[in-house]
Protein backbone atom coordinates (compact mmCIF):
# COMPACT_ATOMS: atom_id res chain seq x y z
CA MET A 1 -0.64 -2.77 14.17
CA LYS A 2 0.54 -0.58 11.34
CA GLU A 3 1.66 -3.53 9.17
CA ALA A 4 -1.88 -4.93 9.14
CA ARG A 5 -3.30 -1.55 8.10
CA TYR A 6 -0.66 -1.32 5.36
CA LEU A 7 -1.47 -4.78 4.01
CA LYS A 8 -5.20 -4.15 4.23
CA ALA A 9 -4.78 -0.96 2.21
CA LEU A 10 -2.97 -2.94 -0.48
CA GLY A 11 -5.57 -5.73 -0.42
CA GLU A 12 -7.94 -3.99 -2.83
CA PRO A 13 -7.19 -4.42 -6.58
CA ILE A 14 -7.95 -0.80 -7.48
CA ARG A 15 -5.57 0.42 -4.78
CA LEU A 16 -2.81 -1.81 -6.15
CA LYS A 17 -3.39 -0.28 -9.57
CA LEU A 18 -3.31 3.19 -8.04
CA ILE A 19 0.03 2.36 -6.42
CA GLU A 20 1.37 1.20 -9.79
CA GLN A 21 0.26 4.46 -11.40
CA ILE A 22 1.64 6.64 -8.60
CA SER A 23 4.96 4.79 -8.60
CA GLN A 24 5.58 6.17 -12.10
CA GLY A 25 5.67 9.71 -10.69
CA GLN A 26 3.72 12.26 -8.71
CA ASN A 27 0.04 12.29 -9.67
CA CYS A 28 -2.90 14.52 -8.86
CA ILE A 29 -6.41 13.16 -8.36
CA CYS A 30 -7.61 14.54 -11.71
CA HIS A 31 -4.84 12.68 -13.55
CA LEU A 32 -5.60 9.47 -11.67
CA GLN A 33 -9.31 9.80 -12.37
CA ASN A 34 -8.58 9.80 -16.10
CA GLN A 35 -6.86 6.43 -15.66
CA PHE A 36 -9.70 4.73 -13.76
CA SER A 37 -13.39 4.33 -14.44
CA VAL A 38 -14.59 5.28 -10.96
CA SER A 39 -16.17 8.43 -9.61
CA GLN A 40 -14.02 11.14 -8.04
CA PRO A 41 -15.47 10.50 -4.53
CA THR A 42 -14.71 6.77 -4.84
CA LEU A 43 -11.19 7.50 -6.01
CA SER A 44 -10.68 9.99 -3.17
CA HIS A 45 -11.89 7.37 -0.69
CA HIS A 46 -9.29 4.87 -1.95
CA MET A 47 -6.58 7.51 -1.83
CA LYS A 48 -7.52 8.41 1.76
CA ILE A 49 -7.10 4.76 2.78
CA LEU A 50 -3.66 4.65 1.14
CA VAL A 51 -2.60 7.92 2.79
CA ASP A 52 -3.94 6.90 6.22
CA ALA A 53 -2.06 3.60 5.98
CA GLY A 54 1.17 5.42 5.10
CA VAL A 55 1.46 3.82 1.68
CA VAL A 56 1.39 7.15 -0.14
CA GLU A 57 1.98 10.75 0.86
CA SER A 58 -0.16 13.67 -0.22
CA GLU A 59 0.68 17.32 -0.73
CA LYS A 60 -1.83 20.03 -1.49
CA ILE A 61 -0.61 22.60 -4.00
CA GLY A 62 -3.22 25.19 -4.84
CA LYS A 63 -6.49 23.40 -5.53
CA ASN A 64 -4.88 20.05 -6.34
CA VAL A 65 -3.64 17.25 -4.12
CA TYR A 66 -0.58 15.40 -5.41
CA TYR A 67 0.32 11.85 -4.40
CA THR A 68 3.69 10.11 -4.20
CA ILE A 69 4.82 6.74 -2.88
CA ASN A 70 6.03 6.87 0.72
CA GLU A 71 9.45 5.32 0.05
CA SER A 72 10.52 4.99 3.69
CA GLU A 73 7.30 3.21 4.69
CA LEU A 74 7.62 0.93 1.69
CA ALA A 75 11.17 0.03 2.76
CA ASN A 76 9.96 -0.62 6.32
CA MET A 77 7.22 -2.91 5.01
CA VAL A 78 9.67 -4.84 2.83
CA ASP A 79 11.96 -5.29 5.85
CA TYR A 80 9.00 -6.47 7.91
CA LEU A 81 8.01 -9.07 5.29
CA LEU A 82 11.59 -10.24 4.74
CA GLN A 83 11.86 -11.32 8.36
CA PHE A 84 9.57 -14.23 7.46
CA SER A 85 11.66 -15.53 4.56
CA GLY A 86 14.20 -18.28 5.03
CA ASN A 87 12.35 -19.81 7.97
CA ASN A 88 10.14 -22.06 5.89
CA LYS A 89 12.04 -25.33 6.19
CA VAL A 90 9.69 -28.26 6.42
CA GLU A 91 10.16 -30.22 9.60
CA PHE A 92 7.88 -33.08 10.42
CA GLY A 93 6.46 -32.89 13.87
CA CYS A 94 7.11 -30.35 16.55
CA GLN A 95 8.35 -30.71 20.08
CA PRO A 96 4.93 -30.44 21.77
CA CYS A 97 3.47 -33.06 19.38
CA GLN A 98 6.34 -35.50 19.91
CA ASP A 99 5.97 -35.61 23.68
């Protein structure tokens, strides 16, 4: 289920911070590494998880890989989550329990 993979990718604090940074504009790994106190392989691992989940998109230009937010997937995820809102009315008991 792609929604579960998306949510799992966002479930790590460093990845949420990466998303915040990337949402401010296209970033390459070297720029992101300057913002975080983790090794380049660790940062690349987190970015791979975000790309594989569809949260961000990557584009290789020359030697550098640039990352941007995947806007359409973000919109799909928001729509998915919104389907659960408005259905949280508290009702005491349920039909199977009342029988």
